[in-house]
C-alpha cells in the first residue's frame, strides 16, 4: 500500500500555547489509522489542520498528492470530515440535511439525489429519511453526521470521536459502520480516547499526549513483550482423584519462590518490584496478611511447606 496521507513535523500554536508539537506519521491507503489519546492531547487540532480548517504554524501534510498549505482546495476534494460536534440542522429531515450538504459539495440534480439515496442506505436510515433530525436518538444523529462526510465519496475520511456521548447500542452500530466502510475500500483516520475502539478498528495506532506523538505502530508492536510474565494461570481440576476420595495437590502446586505471598490491593502492586513471582516481597499495607497459595485442585487447601 502507498501512503495517502503523509505528515511532516506538523506544529500548531495558539499564541504561547503549542497544541501540536512537531508530529510526523503516514497513513497507508486502505487502512484504518487511529489517533488515540486523552482529551486535550491534540487529536482534534491535528484533524482540523489536516482538513485545512486551520493552517499549520510549521510543517506540512500531503493528502492524495496535495499539500494542505499549498493546495487546500484540492485536499478538500479528496477528504470527508465527520466532526466531533454534530453538523446538522435539527428542523430538517435526514434527507434534507444530506441534500443541503451535498449542494455545498457542488452536487446537484440526479447525481445529488442518487448519492443521497446511497448514503442513506450506507448509514441504515433509508426508512427514516423523512423524519426530522430532532426526533432522532443521539446514535442516529451521529450516523447522519457520518453520512455528511461520505457525500462526495472521499478517498480519506476523518472521523473525530464519532462515538462520544452515545449509548452502547448506537456505539456498536457506528463501529460496525466504520469497519464496513473500510471493507469497501475507504481509508479512515479515526480519533478516540477509548483504547478498546482503537484495538478493535485499527490496522495501526498513533498515541498522542500533550501534543506529541509518543508511540506509533501496529497492536503487536505496541504491546509490551513482558506482559505475559505477570499473568498467573491456575489449572483447575489437575491431579483430582475420584469423587469422595478427597482432593490432593497437583504435582506442580508450589509457592512462588518457596514462600507464601501477601494479599494486597491492586494499587500497591509494583510489577518487577513487589511481584512474588520475581522473588521480591509484596508491598505491605494495613490490610495485608499472610495467606497460603492455593493448589491446583477443586478443593482449595494449603500447600505443603516442603
C-alpha atoms as a PDB file:
ATOM      1  CA  UNK A   1       0.000   0.000   0.000  1.00  0.00           C
ATOM      2  CA  UNK A   2       1.131   3.568  -0.734  1.00  0.00           C
ATOM      3  CA  UNK A   3       0.578   6.463   1.720  1.00  0.00           C
ATOM      4  CA  UNK A   4      -2.499   8.557   1.057  1.00  0.00           C
ATOM      5  CA  UNK A   5      -1.543  10.863   3.929  1.00  0.00           C
ATOM      6  CA  UNK A   6       1.957  11.967   4.926  1.00  0.00           C
ATOM      7  CA  UNK A   7       2.504  14.360   7.838  1.00  0.00           C
ATOM      8  CA  UNK A   8       5.818  16.184   8.215  1.00  0.00           C
ATOM      9  CA  UNK A   9       6.842  17.838  11.524  1.00  0.00           C
ATOM     10  CA  UNK A  10       3.402  19.381  11.990  1.00  0.00           C
ATOM     11  CA  UNK A  11       3.171  22.186  14.555  1.00  0.00           C
ATOM     12  CA  UNK A  12       0.126  24.214  15.587  1.00  0.00           C
ATOM     13  CA  UNK A  13       0.392  27.062  18.073  1.00  0.00           C
ATOM     14  CA  UNK A  14      -2.225  29.361  19.590  1.00  0.00           C
ATOM     15  CA  UNK A  15      -0.291  32.309  20.981  1.00  0.00           C
ATOM     16  CA  UNK A  16       2.149  30.885  23.506  1.00  0.00           C
ATOM     17  CA  UNK A  17       0.387  27.516  23.653  1.00  0.00           C
ATOM     18  CA  UNK A  18       1.575  24.705  21.390  1.00  0.00           C
ATOM     19  CA  UNK A  19      -1.273  22.262  20.752  1.00  0.00           C
ATOM     20  CA  UNK A  20       0.601  20.041  18.276  1.00  0.00           C
ATOM     21  CA  UNK A  21       4.362  19.641  18.689  1.00  0.00           C
ATOM     22  CA  UNK A  22       6.077  18.565  15.502  1.00  0.00           C
ATOM     23  CA  UNK A  23       4.352  15.244  14.804  1.00  0.00           C
ATOM     24  CA  UNK A  24       5.119  13.074  11.766  1.00  0.00           C
ATOM     25  CA  UNK A  25       3.322   9.969  10.522  1.00  0.00           C
ATOM     26  CA  UNK A  26       1.824   8.408   7.402  1.00  0.00           C
ATOM     27  CA  UNK A  27      -1.476   6.657   6.677  1.00  0.00           C
ATOM     28  CA  UNK A  28      -1.481   3.906   4.065  1.00  0.00           C
ATOM     29  CA  UNK A  29      -4.272   3.749   1.524  1.00  0.00           C
ATOM     30  CA  UNK A  30      -6.911   1.216   2.571  1.00  0.00           C
ATOM     31  CA  UNK A  31      -6.172   1.159   6.292  1.00  0.00           C
ATOM     32  CA  UNK A  32      -7.841   2.413   9.450  1.00  0.00           C
ATOM     33  CA  UNK A  33      -5.326   4.517  11.362  1.00  0.00           C
ATOM     34  CA  UNK A  34      -6.324   5.636  14.845  1.00  0.00           C
ATOM     35  CA  UNK A  35      -5.033   8.570  16.846  1.00  0.00           C
ATOM     36  CA  UNK A  36      -5.509   7.521  20.468  1.00  0.00           C
ATOM     37  CA  UNK A  37      -5.136   9.856  23.408  1.00  0.00           C
ATOM     38  CA  UNK A  38      -6.891  11.628  26.288  1.00  0.00           C
ATOM     39  CA  UNK A  39      -8.892  14.813  25.949  1.00  0.00           C
ATOM     40  CA  UNK A  40      -6.535  17.687  25.245  1.00  0.00           C
ATOM     41  CA  UNK A  41      -3.904  15.506  23.572  1.00  0.00           C
ATOM     42  CA  UNK A  42      -4.104  17.431  20.282  1.00  0.00           C
ATOM     43  CA  UNK A  43      -6.118  14.954  18.216  1.00  0.00           C
ATOM     44  CA  UNK A  44      -8.875  17.347  17.152  1.00  0.00           C
ATOM     45  CA  UNK A  45      -6.385  20.112  16.392  1.00  0.00           C
ATOM     46  CA  UNK A  46      -4.463  17.685  14.185  1.00  0.00           C
ATOM     47  CA  UNK A  47      -7.652  16.770  12.295  1.00  0.00           C
ATOM     48  CA  UNK A  48      -8.508  20.470  11.931  1.00  0.00           C
ATOM     49  CA  UNK A  49      -5.124  21.196  10.338  1.00  0.00           C
ATOM     50  CA  UNK A  50      -5.231  18.135   8.071  1.00  0.00           C
ATOM     51  CA  UNK A  51      -8.732  19.057   6.869  1.00  0.00           C
ATOM     52  CA  UNK A  52      -7.469  22.622   6.103  1.00  0.00           C
ATOM     53  CA  UNK A  53      -9.723  24.252   8.693  1.00  0.00           C
ATOM     54  CA  UNK A  54      -6.596  25.695  10.367  1.00  0.00           C
ATOM     55  CA  UNK A  55      -3.253  26.486   8.771  1.00  0.00           C
ATOM     56  CA  UNK A  56      -0.263  24.841  10.453  1.00  0.00           C
ATOM     57  CA  UNK A  57       2.228  27.065  12.264  1.00  0.00           C
ATOM     58  CA  UNK A  58       5.053  24.972  10.849  1.00  0.00           C
ATOM     59  CA  UNK A  59       5.395  21.759   8.906  1.00  0.00           C
ATOM     60  CA  UNK A  60       3.131  20.348   6.218  1.00  0.00           C
ATOM     61  CA  UNK A  61       0.963  17.389   5.258  1.00  0.00           C
ATOM     62  CA  UNK A  62       0.284  15.846   1.870  1.00  0.00           C
ATOM     63  CA  UNK A  63      -3.079  14.175   1.152  1.00  0.00           C
ATOM     64  CA  UNK A  64      -3.625  12.313  -2.112  1.00  0.00           C
ATOM     65  CA  UNK A  65      -0.640  14.151  -3.543  1.00  0.00           C
ATOM     66  CA  UNK A  66      -1.787  17.647  -2.472  1.00  0.00           C
ATOM     67  CA  UNK A  67      -0.219  19.871   0.196  1.00  0.00           C
ATOM     68  CA  UNK A  68      -2.536  21.255   2.877  1.00  0.00           C
ATOM     69  CA  UNK A  69      -0.591  24.549   2.790  1.00  0.00           C
ATOM     70  CA  UNK A  70      -0.183  24.984  -0.986  1.00  0.00           C
ATOM     71  CA  UNK A  71      -3.277  23.223  -2.407  1.00  0.00           C
ATOM     72  CA  UNK A  72      -6.004  23.296   0.273  1.00  0.00           C
ATOM     73  CA  UNK A  73      -8.906  23.179  -2.215  1.00  0.00           C
ATOM     74  CA  UNK A  74      -7.509  20.030  -3.851  1.00  0.00           C
ATOM     75  CA  UNK A  75      -7.177  18.475  -0.385  1.00  0.00           C
ATOM     76  CA  UNK A  76     -10.814  19.272   0.411  1.00  0.00           C
ATOM     77  CA  UNK A  77     -11.973  17.470  -2.737  1.00  0.00           C
ATOM     78  CA  UNK A  78     -10.164  14.313  -1.576  1.00  0.00           C
ATOM     79  CA  UNK A  79     -11.398  14.151   2.011  1.00  0.00           C
ATOM     80  CA  UNK A  80     -14.561  13.754   4.064  1.00  0.00           C
ATOM     81  CA  UNK A  81     -14.831  15.022   7.641  1.00  0.00           C
ATOM     82  CA  UNK A  82     -17.002  13.737  10.487  1.00  0.00           C
ATOM     83  CA  UNK A  83     -16.525  16.338  13.245  1.00  0.00           C
ATOM     84  CA  UNK A  84     -16.908  15.629  16.935  1.00  0.00           C
ATOM     85  CA  UNK A  85     -19.743  18.154  17.163  1.00  0.00           C
ATOM     86  CA  UNK A  86     -22.885  17.446  15.152  1.00  0.00           C
ATOM     87  CA  UNK A  87     -23.043  19.494  11.934  1.00  0.00           C
ATOM     88  CA  UNK A  88     -26.789  19.054  11.371  1.00  0.00           C
ATOM     89  CA  UNK A  89     -29.951  21.132  11.302  1.00  0.00           C
ATOM     90  CA  UNK A  90     -32.460  19.708  13.783  1.00  0.00           C
ATOM     91  CA  UNK A  91     -35.515  21.078  11.996  1.00  0.00           C
ATOM     92  CA  UNK A  92     -34.579  19.390   8.705  1.00  0.00           C
ATOM     93  CA  UNK A  93     -35.033  15.716   7.917  1.00  0.00           C
ATOM     94  CA  UNK A  94     -32.066  13.409   7.397  1.00  0.00           C
ATOM     95  CA  UNK A  95     -32.591  13.577   3.642  1.00  0.00           C
ATOM     96  CA  UNK A  96     -32.847  17.380   3.674  1.00  0.00           C
ATOM     97  CA  UNK A  97     -29.632  17.648   5.694  1.00  0.00           C
ATOM     98  CA  UNK A  98     -27.807  15.430   3.217  1.00  0.00           C
ATOM     99  CA  UNK A  99     -29.202  17.356   0.238  1.00  0.00           C
ATOM    100  CA  UNK A 100     -28.083  20.650   1.793  1.00  0.00           C
ATOM    101  CA  UNK A 101     -24.537  19.449   2.461  1.00  0.00           C
ATOM    102  CA  UNK A 102     -24.385  17.735  -0.926  1.00  0.00           C
ATOM    103  CA  UNK A 103     -25.105  21.087  -2.554  1.00  0.00           C
ATOM    104  CA  UNK A 104     -22.280  22.610  -0.505  1.00  0.00           C
ATOM    105  CA  UNK A 105     -20.010  19.980  -2.072  1.00  0.00           C
ATOM    106  CA  UNK A 106     -21.200  21.020  -5.539  1.00  0.00           C
ATOM    107  CA  UNK A 107     -23.520  18.091  -6.221  1.00  0.00           C
ATOM    108  CA  UNK A 108     -26.818  18.775  -7.977  1.00  0.00           C
ATOM    109  CA  UNK A 109     -29.769  17.244  -9.815  1.00  0.00           C
ATOM    110  CA  UNK A 110     -29.968  13.499 -10.337  1.00  0.00           C
ATOM    111  CA  UNK A 111     -26.382  12.948  -9.227  1.00  0.00           C
ATOM    112  CA  UNK A 112     -27.180  14.529  -5.860  1.00  0.00           C
ATOM    113  CA  UNK A 113     -30.434  12.589  -5.403  1.00  0.00           C
ATOM    114  CA  UNK A 114     -28.723   9.297  -6.261  1.00  0.00           C
ATOM    115  CA  UNK A 115     -25.815   9.974  -3.921  1.00  0.00           C
ATOM    116  CA  UNK A 116     -28.133  10.880  -1.037  1.00  0.00           C
ATOM    117  CA  UNK A 117     -30.015   7.596  -1.531  1.00  0.00           C
ATOM    118  CA  UNK A 118     -26.711   5.676  -1.496  1.00  0.00           C
ATOM    119  CA  UNK A 119     -25.542   7.367   1.689  1.00  0.00           C
ATOM    120  CA  UNK A 120     -28.868   6.805   3.467  1.00  0.00           C
ATOM    121  CA  UNK A 121     -28.518   3.101   2.662  1.00  0.00           C
ATOM    122  CA  UNK A 122     -24.916   3.074   3.915  1.00  0.00           C
ATOM    123  CA  UNK A 123     -25.854   4.575   7.272  1.00  0.00           C
ATOM    124  CA  UNK A 124     -29.002   2.454   7.617  1.00  0.00           C
ATOM    125  CA  UNK A 125     -31.560   5.273   7.700  1.00  0.00           C
ATOM    126  CA  UNK A 126     -33.430   4.860   4.419  1.00  0.00           C
ATOM    127  CA  UNK A 127     -36.673   4.015   6.229  1.00  0.00           C
ATOM    128  CA  UNK A 128     -36.489   7.096   8.461  1.00  0.00           C
ATOM    129  CA  UNK A 129     -35.051   9.597   5.993  1.00  0.00           C
ATOM    130  CA  UNK A 130     -38.150  11.824   6.067  1.00  0.00           C
ATOM    131  CA  UNK A 131     -38.181  12.308   9.839  1.00  0.00           C
ATOM    132  CA  UNK A 132     -36.777  15.464  11.397  1.00  0.00           C
ATOM    133  CA  UNK A 133     -33.348  15.048  12.930  1.00  0.00           C
ATOM    134  CA  UNK A 134     -34.541  16.489  16.263  1.00  0.00           C
ATOM    135  CA  UNK A 135     -36.665  13.343  16.730  1.00  0.00           C
ATOM    136  CA  UNK A 136     -33.630  11.049  16.348  1.00  0.00           C
ATOM    137  CA  UNK A 137     -31.631   9.410  19.125  1.00  0.00           C
ATOM    138  CA  UNK A 138     -28.048  10.530  19.691  1.00  0.00           C
ATOM    139  CA  UNK A 139     -26.743   7.497  17.824  1.00  0.00           C
ATOM    140  CA  UNK A 140     -28.947   8.148  14.791  1.00  0.00           C
ATOM    141  CA  UNK A 141     -27.770  11.756  14.656  1.00  0.00           C
ATOM    142  CA  UNK A 142     -24.187  10.512  14.694  1.00  0.00           C
ATOM    143  CA  UNK A 143     -24.945   8.260  11.737  1.00  0.00           C
ATOM    144  CA  UNK A 144     -26.338  11.183   9.739  1.00  0.00           C
ATOM    145  CA  UNK A 145     -23.197  13.113  10.699  1.00  0.00           C
ATOM    146  CA  UNK A 146     -21.109  10.289   9.214  1.00  0.00           C
ATOM    147  CA  UNK A 147     -23.319  10.352   6.121  1.00  0.00           C
ATOM    148  CA  UNK A 148     -22.467  14.012   5.513  1.00  0.00           C
ATOM    149  CA  UNK A 149     -18.792  13.093   5.458  1.00  0.00           C
ATOM    150  CA  UNK A 150     -19.447  10.394   2.851  1.00  0.00           C
ATOM    151  CA  UNK A 151     -21.369  12.526   0.355  1.00  0.00           C
ATOM    152  CA  UNK A 152     -18.527  13.340  -2.016  1.00  0.00           C
ATOM    153  CA  UNK A 153     -17.109   9.786  -1.968  1.00  0.00           C
ATOM    154  CA  UNK A 154     -13.849  10.809  -0.298  1.00  0.00           C
ATOM    155  CA  UNK A 155     -10.571   8.934  -0.644  1.00  0.00           C
ATOM    156  CA  UNK A 156      -9.768   9.660   3.022  1.00  0.00           C
ATOM    157  CA  UNK A 157     -12.359  10.015   5.794  1.00  0.00           C
ATOM    158  CA  UNK A 158     -11.544  11.844   9.035  1.00  0.00           C
ATOM    159  CA  UNK A 159     -13.728  10.759  11.962  1.00  0.00           C
ATOM    160  CA  UNK A 160     -13.165  12.762  15.135  1.00  0.00           C
ATOM    161  CA  UNK A 161     -14.584  10.916  18.146  1.00  0.00           C
ATOM    162  CA  UNK A 162     -17.813   9.728  16.481  1.00  0.00           C
ATOM    163  CA  UNK A 163     -18.936   7.657  19.498  1.00  0.00           C
ATOM    164  CA  UNK A 164     -18.655  10.361  22.159  1.00  0.00           C
ATOM    165  CA  UNK A 165     -21.757  10.626  24.327  1.00  0.00           C
ATOM    166  CA  UNK A 166     -23.910   7.887  22.804  1.00  0.00           C
ATOM    167  CA  UNK A 167     -25.420   4.681  24.168  1.00  0.00           C
ATOM    168  CA  UNK A 168     -23.660   1.296  23.789  1.00  0.00           C
ATOM    169  CA  UNK A 169     -26.024   0.004  21.094  1.00  0.00           C
ATOM    170  CA  UNK A 170     -25.531   3.080  18.915  1.00  0.00           C
ATOM    171  CA  UNK A 171     -21.813   2.936  19.549  1.00  0.00           C
ATOM    172  CA  UNK A 172     -21.755  -0.650  18.330  1.00  0.00           C
ATOM    173  CA  UNK A 173     -23.604   0.337  15.158  1.00  0.00           C
ATOM    174  CA  UNK A 174     -21.127   3.124  14.409  1.00  0.00           C
ATOM    175  CA  UNK A 175     -18.085   0.901  14.949  1.00  0.00           C
ATOM    176  CA  UNK A 176     -19.600  -1.694  12.624  1.00  0.00           C
ATOM    177  CA  UNK A 177     -20.261   1.034  10.055  1.00  0.00           C
ATOM    178  CA  UNK A 178     -16.642   2.191  10.208  1.00  0.00           C
ATOM    179  CA  UNK A 179     -15.396  -1.356   9.652  1.00  0.00           C
ATOM    180  CA  UNK A 180     -17.819  -1.864   6.764  1.00  0.00           C
ATOM    181  CA  UNK A 181     -16.681   1.366   5.090  1.00  0.00           C
ATOM    182  CA  UNK A 182     -13.110   0.154   5.356  1.00  0.00           C
ATOM    183  CA  UNK A 183     -14.037  -3.227   3.860  1.00  0.00           C
ATOM    184  CA  UNK A 184     -15.476  -1.289   0.926  1.00  0.00           C
ATOM    185  CA  UNK A 185     -12.077   0.343   0.388  1.00  0.00           C
ATOM    186  CA  UNK A 186     -12.360   3.553   2.417  1.00  0.00           C
ATOM    187  CA  UNK A 187      -9.215   4.839   4.151  1.00  0.00           C
ATOM    188  CA  UNK A 188     -10.083   6.196   7.608  1.00  0.00           C
ATOM    189  CA  UNK A 189      -8.247   8.315  10.148  1.00  0.00           C
ATOM    190  CA  UNK A 190     -10.119   7.731  13.399  1.00  0.00           C
ATOM    191  CA  UNK A 191      -9.578   9.646  16.639  1.00  0.00           C
ATOM    192  CA  UNK A 192     -10.663   8.293  20.002  1.00  0.00           C
ATOM    193  CA  UNK A 193      -9.789   8.210  23.678  1.00  0.00           C
ATOM    194  CA  UNK A 194     -11.208   4.684  24.051  1.00  0.00           C
ATOM    195  CA  UNK A 195      -8.446   2.072  23.894  1.00  0.00           C
ATOM    196  CA  UNK A 196     -10.869  -0.726  23.058  1.00  0.00           C
ATOM    197  CA  UNK A 197     -12.068   1.144  19.961  1.00  0.00           C
ATOM    198  CA  UNK A 198      -8.537   1.629  18.686  1.00  0.00           C
ATOM    199  CA  UNK A 199      -7.806  -2.035  19.361  1.00  0.00           C
ATOM    200  CA  UNK A 200     -10.894  -3.261  17.526  1.00  0.00           C
ATOM    201  CA  UNK A 201     -10.760  -0.999  14.498  1.00  0.00           C
ATOM    202  CA  UNK A 202      -7.186  -0.151  13.708  1.00  0.00           C
ATOM    203  CA  UNK A 203      -4.509  -1.553  11.476  1.00  0.00           C
ATOM    204  CA  UNK A 204      -2.108   0.857  13.157  1.00  0.00           C
ATOM    205  CA  UNK A 205      -2.332   3.264  16.098  1.00  0.00           C
ATOM    206  CA  UNK A 206      -0.608   6.545  16.927  1.00  0.00           C
ATOM    207  CA  UNK A 207      -0.734   7.512  20.605  1.00  0.00           C
ATOM    208  CA  UNK A 208      -0.847  11.248  21.349  1.00  0.00           C
ATOM    209  CA  UNK A 209      -0.381  13.089  24.617  1.00  0.00           C
ATOM    210  CA  UNK A 210       0.224  16.799  25.266  1.00  0.00           C
ATOM    211  CA  UNK A 211       0.557  17.471  21.551  1.00  0.00           C
ATOM    212  CA  UNK A 212       3.223  14.834  20.955  1.00  0.00           C
ATOM    213  CA  UNK A 213       3.076  11.535  19.112  1.00  0.00           C
ATOM    214  CA  UNK A 214       4.598   9.300  21.775  1.00  0.00           C
ATOM    215  CA  UNK A 215       4.133   5.883  20.137  1.00  0.00           C
ATOM    216  CA  UNK A 216       3.255   4.556  16.704  1.00  0.00           C
ATOM    217  CA  UNK A 217       2.770   1.063  15.315  1.00  0.00           C
ATOM    218  CA  UNK A 218       0.542  -1.980  14.984  1.00  0.00           C
ATOM    219  CA  UNK A 219      -1.076  -3.527  18.036  1.00  0.00           C
ATOM    220  CA  UNK A 220       1.598  -6.241  18.115  1.00  0.00           C
ATOM    221  CA  UNK A 221       4.342  -3.620  18.016  1.00  0.00           C
ATOM    222  CA  UNK A 222       2.770  -1.535  20.796  1.00  0.00           C
ATOM    223  CA  UNK A 223       2.029  -4.429  23.167  1.00  0.00           C
ATOM    224  CA  UNK A 224       4.741  -4.818  25.851  1.00  0.00           C
ATOM    225  CA  UNK A 225       6.507  -8.174  25.299  1.00  0.00           C
ATOM    226  CA  UNK A 226       6.841  -8.805  29.042  1.00  0.00           C
ATOM    227  CA  UNK A 227       3.133  -8.620  29.797  1.00  0.00           C
ATOM    228  CA  UNK A 228       2.680 -12.389  29.898  1.00  0.00           C
ATOM    229  CA  UNK A 229       5.273 -12.710  32.669  1.00  0.00           C
ATOM    230  CA  UNK A 230       2.833 -11.031  35.064  1.00  0.00           C
ATOM    231  CA  UNK A 231      -0.031 -13.411  34.332  1.00  0.00           C
ATOM    232  CA  UNK A 232      -0.921 -16.146  36.838  1.00  0.00           C
ATOM    233  CA  UNK A 233      -2.718 -19.167  35.348  1.00  0.00           C
ATOM    234  CA  UNK A 234      -4.486 -21.611  37.683  1.00  0.00           C
ATOM    235  CA  UNK A 235      -5.258 -25.051  36.262  1.00  0.00           C
ATOM    236  CA  UNK A 236      -8.484 -26.206  37.918  1.00  0.00           C
ATOM    237  CA  UNK A 237      -9.022 -29.949  38.292  1.00  0.00           C
ATOM    238  CA  UNK A 238      -5.473 -31.126  37.642  1.00  0.00           C
ATOM    239  CA  UNK A 239      -4.488 -34.048  39.860  1.00  0.00           C
ATOM    240  CA  UNK A 240      -8.008 -34.525  41.209  1.00  0.00           C
ATOM    241  CA  UNK A 241      -8.916 -38.056  42.353  1.00  0.00           C
ATOM    242  CA  UNK A 242     -12.277 -39.769  42.138  1.00  0.00           C
ATOM    243  CA  UNK A 243     -15.257 -38.196  43.940  1.00  0.00           C
ATOM    244  CA  UNK A 244     -15.274 -38.736  47.690  1.00  0.00           C
ATOM    245  CA  UNK A 245     -11.619 -39.729  47.874  1.00  0.00           C
ATOM    246  CA  UNK A 246     -10.521 -36.214  48.768  1.00  0.00           C
ATOM    247  CA  UNK A 247      -8.530 -33.759  46.793  1.00  0.00           C
ATOM    248  CA  UNK A 248      -4.773 -33.741  46.540  1.00  0.00           C
ATOM    249  CA  UNK A 249      -2.358 -31.126  45.378  1.00  0.00           C
ATOM    250  CA  UNK A 250      -1.242 -31.434  41.789  1.00  0.00           C
ATOM    251  CA  UNK A 251       2.459 -32.216  41.318  1.00  0.00           C
ATOM    252  CA  UNK A 252       3.108 -28.695  40.018  1.00  0.00           C
ATOM    253  CA  UNK A 253       1.442 -26.994  43.019  1.00  0.00           C
ATOM    254  CA  UNK A 254       4.060 -24.847  44.748  1.00  0.00           C
ATOM    255  CA  UNK A 255       4.634 -21.475  46.272  1.00  0.00           C
ATOM    256  CA  UNK A 256       6.221 -18.557  44.487  1.00  0.00           C
ATOM    257  CA  UNK A 257       9.943 -18.536  45.339  1.00  0.00           C
ATOM    258  CA  UNK A 258       9.210 -21.156  48.014  1.00  0.00           C
ATOM    259  CA  UNK A 259       7.339 -18.623  50.141  1.00  0.00           C
ATOM    260  CA  UNK A 260       3.816 -17.699  51.000  1.00  0.00           C
ATOM    261  CA  UNK A 261       2.639 -14.493  49.329  1.00  0.00           C
ATOM    262  CA  UNK A 262       0.853 -11.488  50.762  1.00  0.00           C
ATOM    263  CA  UNK A 263      -2.607 -10.341  49.788  1.00  0.00           C
ATOM    264  CA  UNK A 264      -2.652  -6.728  48.685  1.00  0.00           C
ATOM    265  CA  UNK A 265      -4.622  -4.081  46.875  1.00  0.00           C
ATOM    266  CA  UNK A 266      -4.076  -3.675  43.130  1.00  0.00           C
ATOM    267  CA  UNK A 267      -2.818  -0.152  43.617  1.00  0.00           C
ATOM    268  CA  UNK A 268       0.015  -1.407  45.840  1.00  0.00           C
ATOM    269  CA  UNK A 269       1.324  -3.889  43.310  1.00  0.00           C
ATOM    270  CA  UNK A 270       4.546  -2.932  41.575  1.00  0.00           C
ATOM    271  CA  UNK A 271       5.490  -5.175  38.612  1.00  0.00           C
ATOM    272  CA  UNK A 272       9.061  -6.369  38.864  1.00  0.00           C
ATOM    273  CA  UNK A 273       9.391  -4.915  42.355  1.00  0.00           C
ATOM    274  CA  UNK A 274       6.787  -6.406  44.649  1.00  0.00           C
ATOM    275  CA  UNK A 275       5.996  -9.310  42.317  1.00  0.00           C
ATOM    276  CA  UNK A 276       6.293 -12.555  44.318  1.00  0.00           C
ATOM    277  CA  UNK A 277       6.818 -14.416  41.059  1.00  0.00           C
ATOM    278  CA  UNK A 278      10.019 -12.435  40.551  1.00  0.00           C
ATOM    279  CA  UNK A 279      11.267 -13.343  44.008  1.00  0.00           C
ATOM    280  CA  UNK A 280      10.570  -9.933  45.556  1.00  0.00           C
ATOM    281  CA  UNK A 281       8.491  -9.116  48.585  1.00  0.00           C
ATOM    282  CA  UNK A 282       4.954  -7.830  48.107  1.00  0.00           C
ATOM    283  CA  UNK A 283       4.367  -4.309  49.415  1.00  0.00           C
ATOM    284  CA  UNK A 284       2.891  -4.200  52.873  1.00  0.00           C
ATOM    285  CA  UNK A 285      -0.352  -2.375  53.542  1.00  0.00           C
ATOM    286  CA  UNK A 286      -2.582  -2.054  56.597  1.00  0.00           C
ATOM    287  CA  UNK A 287      -4.879  -4.678  55.092  1.00  0.00           C
ATOM    288  CA  UNK A 288      -2.059  -7.118  54.264  1.00  0.00           C
ATOM    289  CA  UNK A 289      -1.950 -10.561  55.783  1.00  0.00           C
ATOM    290  CA  UNK A 290      -0.177 -13.819  55.009  1.00  0.00           C
ATOM    291  CA  UNK A 291      -2.317 -16.292  53.089  1.00  0.00           C
ATOM    292  CA  UNK A 292      -1.401 -19.676  51.638  1.00  0.00           C
ATOM    293  CA  UNK A 293      -1.042 -20.029  47.880  1.00  0.00           C
ATOM    294  CA  UNK A 294      -3.873 -22.268  46.710  1.00  0.00           C
ATOM    295  CA  UNK A 295      -3.147 -25.528  44.983  1.00  0.00           C
ATOM    296  CA  UNK A 296      -4.416 -26.556  41.561  1.00  0.00           C
ATOM    297  CA  UNK A 297      -7.314 -28.678  42.729  1.00  0.00           C
ATOM    298  CA  UNK A 298     -11.028 -28.044  43.019  1.00  0.00           C
ATOM    299  CA  UNK A 299     -10.780 -28.269  46.815  1.00  0.00           C
ATOM    300  CA  UNK A 300      -8.505 -25.393  47.720  1.00  0.00           C
ATOM    301  CA  UNK A 301      -6.077 -26.297  50.501  1.00  0.00           C
ATOM    302  CA  UNK A 302      -2.762 -25.238  51.909  1.00  0.00           C
ATOM    303  CA  UNK A 303       0.306 -26.479  50.026  1.00  0.00           C
ATOM    304  CA  UNK A 304       2.855 -28.468  51.956  1.00  0.00           C
ATOM    305  CA  UNK A 305       5.778 -26.490  53.290  1.00  0.00           C
ATOM    306  CA  UNK A 306       8.304 -28.880  51.828  1.00  0.00           C
END
